[in-house]
Amino acid sequence: MKLRYFDANLAHYRDFTDFSLSINDYMNRYYIGHYSPAGNHFFAYALKDMLIEWLEPKPISYSDPATQQINFKGYLPEF
């Protein structure tokens, strides 16, 4: 069975390598004992693309523009 998962540690590692910061300075960017608002923003955007890939049907703003329309197909079978 193939499990889908998101590894926030890997996302942080990739982000950390883009900076010339010490680990403490990097952590202070995103943590205040838990995620700060900047940490929440980082996490949401790090997760977004993978989450969209998992969803079916896709949210309308992420679906194929040629087939975008407002309907409930896939959500409410009776419509």
N, C-alpha and C. Protein backbone atom coordinates (compact mmCIF):
# COMPACT_ATOMS: atom_id res chain seq x y z
N MET A 1 0.84 -1.18 0.00
CA MET A 1 0.00 0.00 0.00
C MET A 1 0.89 1.25 0.00
N LYS A 2 0.64 2.14 -0.93
CA LYS A 2 1.41 3.38 -1.02
C LYS A 2 0.68 4.46 -0.21
N LEU A 3 1.38 5.00 0.76
CA LEU A 3 0.80 6.05 1.60
C LEU A 3 1.27 7.41 1.13
N ARG A 4 0.35 8.34 1.07
CA ARG A 4 0.71 9.72 0.75
C ARG A 4 1.04 10.43 2.04
N TYR A 5 2.07 11.22 2.02
CA TYR A 5 2.45 11.94 3.23
C TYR A 5 3.16 13.23 2.87
N PHE A 6 3.19 14.13 3.82
CA PHE A 6 3.90 15.39 3.68
C PHE A 6 4.92 15.45 4.81
N ASP A 7 6.17 15.66 4.47
CA ASP A 7 7.25 15.72 5.46
C ASP A 7 7.64 17.18 5.66
N ALA A 8 7.15 17.79 6.74
CA ALA A 8 7.45 19.20 7.02
C ALA A 8 8.93 19.39 7.32
N ASN A 9 9.57 18.38 7.89
CA ASN A 9 11.01 18.49 8.15
C ASN A 9 11.80 18.66 6.86
N LEU A 10 11.43 17.92 5.84
CA LEU A 10 12.10 18.04 4.55
C LEU A 10 11.84 19.42 3.93
N ALA A 11 10.62 19.90 4.06
CA ALA A 11 10.29 21.24 3.54
C ALA A 11 11.13 22.30 4.26
N HIS A 12 11.27 22.16 5.57
CA HIS A 12 12.10 23.11 6.31
C HIS A 12 13.57 22.98 5.94
N TYR A 13 14.05 21.77 5.73
CA TYR A 13 15.44 21.58 5.33
C TYR A 13 15.72 22.28 4.00
N ARG A 14 14.82 22.08 3.03
CA ARG A 14 14.99 22.73 1.72
C ARG A 14 14.97 24.25 1.87
N ASP A 15 14.07 24.75 2.69
CA ASP A 15 13.98 26.19 2.91
C ASP A 15 15.24 26.70 3.61
N PHE A 16 15.71 25.98 4.60
CA PHE A 16 16.89 26.39 5.36
C PHE A 16 18.12 26.52 4.46
N THR A 17 18.24 25.64 3.49
CA THR A 17 19.42 25.69 2.61
C THR A 17 19.42 26.92 1.71
N ASP A 18 18.29 27.61 1.60
CA ASP A 18 18.21 28.84 0.81
C ASP A 18 18.72 30.06 1.56
N PHE A 19 19.02 29.91 2.84
CA PHE A 19 19.43 31.03 3.68
C PHE A 19 20.87 30.86 4.14
N SER A 20 21.45 31.96 4.54
CA SER A 20 22.77 31.94 5.19
C SER A 20 22.57 32.31 6.65
N LEU A 21 21.80 31.48 7.34
CA LEU A 21 21.45 31.72 8.74
C LEU A 21 21.94 30.57 9.60
N SER A 22 22.13 30.88 10.88
CA SER A 22 22.36 29.78 11.82
C SER A 22 21.03 29.07 12.02
N ILE A 23 21.08 27.87 12.54
CA ILE A 23 19.85 27.13 12.79
C ILE A 23 18.96 27.87 13.78
N ASN A 24 19.56 28.52 14.78
CA ASN A 24 18.77 29.28 15.76
C ASN A 24 18.07 30.47 15.10
N ASP A 25 18.77 31.18 14.24
CA ASP A 25 18.13 32.30 13.54
C ASP A 25 17.02 31.81 12.61
N TYR A 26 17.26 30.68 11.96
CA TYR A 26 16.22 30.12 11.09
C TYR A 26 14.99 29.75 11.92
N MET A 27 15.20 29.06 13.02
CA MET A 27 14.07 28.65 13.87
C MET A 27 13.31 29.86 14.39
N ASN A 28 14.01 30.93 14.70
CA ASN A 28 13.35 32.14 15.20
C ASN A 28 12.46 32.79 14.14
N ARG A 29 12.72 32.49 12.87
CA ARG A 29 11.86 33.01 11.79
C ARG A 29 10.45 32.43 11.87
N TYR A 30 10.35 31.18 12.31
CA TYR A 30 9.08 30.46 12.22
C TYR A 30 8.48 29.97 13.53
N TYR A 31 9.24 30.00 14.60
CA TYR A 31 8.77 29.41 15.86
C TYR A 31 8.78 30.41 17.00
N ILE A 32 7.76 30.30 17.84
CA ILE A 32 7.67 31.04 19.10
C ILE A 32 7.23 30.07 20.20
N GLY A 33 7.83 28.90 20.20
CA GLY A 33 7.40 27.80 21.06
C GLY A 33 6.48 26.87 20.29
N HIS A 34 5.87 27.38 19.25
CA HIS A 34 5.07 26.68 18.25
C HIS A 34 5.18 27.55 17.01
N TYR A 35 4.50 27.19 15.94
CA TYR A 35 4.59 28.03 14.75
C TYR A 35 4.10 29.45 15.05
N SER A 36 4.83 30.42 14.56
CA SER A 36 4.40 31.82 14.58
C SER A 36 3.50 32.03 13.36
N PRO A 37 2.92 33.21 13.18
CA PRO A 37 2.16 33.45 11.95
C PRO A 37 3.00 33.19 10.69
N ALA A 38 4.28 33.56 10.72
CA ALA A 38 5.15 33.28 9.58
C ALA A 38 5.34 31.78 9.40
N GLY A 39 5.41 31.03 10.49
CA GLY A 39 5.53 29.58 10.42
C GLY A 39 4.28 28.94 9.84
N ASN A 40 3.11 29.43 10.25
CA ASN A 40 1.85 28.93 9.69
C ASN A 40 1.80 29.19 8.19
N HIS A 41 2.23 30.37 7.78
CA HIS A 41 2.26 30.72 6.36
C HIS A 41 3.21 29.79 5.60
N PHE A 42 4.39 29.58 6.15
CA PHE A 42 5.35 28.67 5.52
C PHE A 42 4.74 27.28 5.35
N PHE A 43 4.15 26.75 6.42
CA PHE A 43 3.60 25.39 6.39
C PHE A 43 2.49 25.29 5.35
N ALA A 44 1.59 26.26 5.33
CA ALA A 44 0.47 26.21 4.38
C ALA A 44 0.96 26.19 2.94
N TYR A 45 1.92 27.03 2.62
CA TYR A 45 2.42 27.06 1.25
C TYR A 45 3.31 25.87 0.92
N ALA A 46 3.98 25.32 1.89
CA ALA A 46 4.79 24.12 1.66
C ALA A 46 3.89 22.92 1.37
N LEU A 47 2.74 22.88 2.00
CA LEU A 47 1.80 21.77 1.85
C LEU A 47 0.86 21.92 0.66
N LYS A 48 0.60 23.13 0.23
CA LYS A 48 -0.45 23.43 -0.75
C LYS A 48 -0.39 22.58 -2.01
N ASP A 49 0.73 22.56 -2.71
CA ASP A 49 0.79 21.85 -3.99
C ASP A 49 0.55 20.35 -3.84
N MET A 50 1.10 19.75 -2.80
CA MET A 50 0.90 18.33 -2.58
C MET A 50 -0.57 18.04 -2.23
N LEU A 51 -1.17 18.88 -1.43
CA LEU A 51 -2.57 18.70 -1.05
C LEU A 51 -3.48 18.81 -2.28
N ILE A 52 -3.23 19.77 -3.14
CA ILE A 52 -4.03 19.92 -4.36
C ILE A 52 -3.89 18.67 -5.23
N GLU A 53 -2.69 18.13 -5.30
CA GLU A 53 -2.45 16.91 -6.07
C GLU A 53 -3.31 15.75 -5.54
N TRP A 54 -3.50 15.69 -4.23
CA TRP A 54 -4.26 14.59 -3.62
C TRP A 54 -5.76 14.71 -3.84
N LEU A 55 -6.27 15.91 -3.98
CA LEU A 55 -7.72 16.12 -4.03
C LEU A 55 -8.31 15.72 -5.37
N GLU A 56 -9.45 15.07 -5.32
CA GLU A 56 -10.19 14.72 -6.52
C GLU A 56 -11.66 14.71 -6.16
N PRO A 57 -12.48 15.52 -6.74
CA PRO A 57 -12.16 16.47 -7.79
C PRO A 57 -11.34 17.65 -7.26
N LYS A 58 -10.62 18.29 -8.16
CA LYS A 58 -9.80 19.44 -7.79
C LYS A 58 -10.70 20.63 -7.46
N PRO A 59 -10.25 21.48 -6.53
CA PRO A 59 -10.98 22.73 -6.32
C PRO A 59 -11.03 23.50 -7.64
N ILE A 60 -12.08 24.24 -7.86
CA ILE A 60 -12.29 24.88 -9.16
C ILE A 60 -11.12 25.78 -9.57
N SER A 61 -10.50 26.43 -8.61
CA SER A 61 -9.39 27.31 -8.96
C SER A 61 -8.14 26.55 -9.37
N TYR A 62 -8.10 25.24 -9.16
CA TYR A 62 -6.95 24.42 -9.53
C TYR A 62 -7.28 23.39 -10.60
N SER A 63 -8.48 23.43 -11.14
CA SER A 63 -8.85 22.47 -12.16
C SER A 63 -8.46 23.00 -13.55
N ASP A 64 -8.60 22.17 -14.53
CA ASP A 64 -8.27 22.53 -15.91
C ASP A 64 -9.16 23.70 -16.34
N PRO A 65 -8.56 24.81 -16.79
CA PRO A 65 -9.37 25.98 -17.18
C PRO A 65 -10.41 25.68 -18.26
N ALA A 66 -10.12 24.72 -19.14
CA ALA A 66 -11.07 24.38 -20.20
C ALA A 66 -12.33 23.72 -19.65
N THR A 67 -12.23 23.12 -18.49
CA THR A 67 -13.39 22.43 -17.92
C THR A 67 -13.93 23.12 -16.68
N GLN A 68 -13.41 24.30 -16.37
CA GLN A 68 -13.88 25.00 -15.17
C GLN A 68 -15.33 25.43 -15.34
N GLN A 69 -16.11 25.04 -14.40
CA GLN A 69 -17.49 25.46 -14.33
C GLN A 69 -17.97 25.20 -12.92
N ILE A 70 -19.01 25.86 -12.57
CA ILE A 70 -19.54 25.65 -11.23
C ILE A 70 -20.55 24.50 -11.32
N ASN A 71 -20.22 23.40 -10.68
CA ASN A 71 -21.14 22.28 -10.57
C ASN A 71 -20.77 21.50 -9.32
N PHE A 72 -21.60 20.57 -8.98
CA PHE A 72 -21.39 19.79 -7.77
C PHE A 72 -21.02 18.34 -8.08
N LYS A 73 -20.69 18.06 -9.34
CA LYS A 73 -20.32 16.70 -9.74
C LYS A 73 -19.10 16.27 -8.94
N GLY A 74 -19.17 15.10 -8.34
CA GLY A 74 -18.07 14.60 -7.52
C GLY A 74 -18.25 14.94 -6.05
N TYR A 75 -19.06 15.93 -5.78
CA TYR A 75 -19.32 16.31 -4.38
C TYR A 75 -20.70 15.85 -3.95
N LEU A 76 -21.70 16.20 -4.72
CA LEU A 76 -23.07 15.84 -4.40
C LEU A 76 -23.65 15.05 -5.58
N PRO A 77 -23.69 13.72 -5.46
CA PRO A 77 -24.09 12.88 -6.60
C PRO A 77 -25.47 13.20 -7.16
N GLU A 78 -26.38 13.73 -6.35
CA GLU A 78 -27.74 13.98 -6.86
C GLU A 78 -27.82 15.22 -7.74
N PHE A 79 -26.73 15.99 -7.86
CA PHE A 79 -26.76 17.19 -8.70
C PHE A 79 -26.04 16.91 -9.97
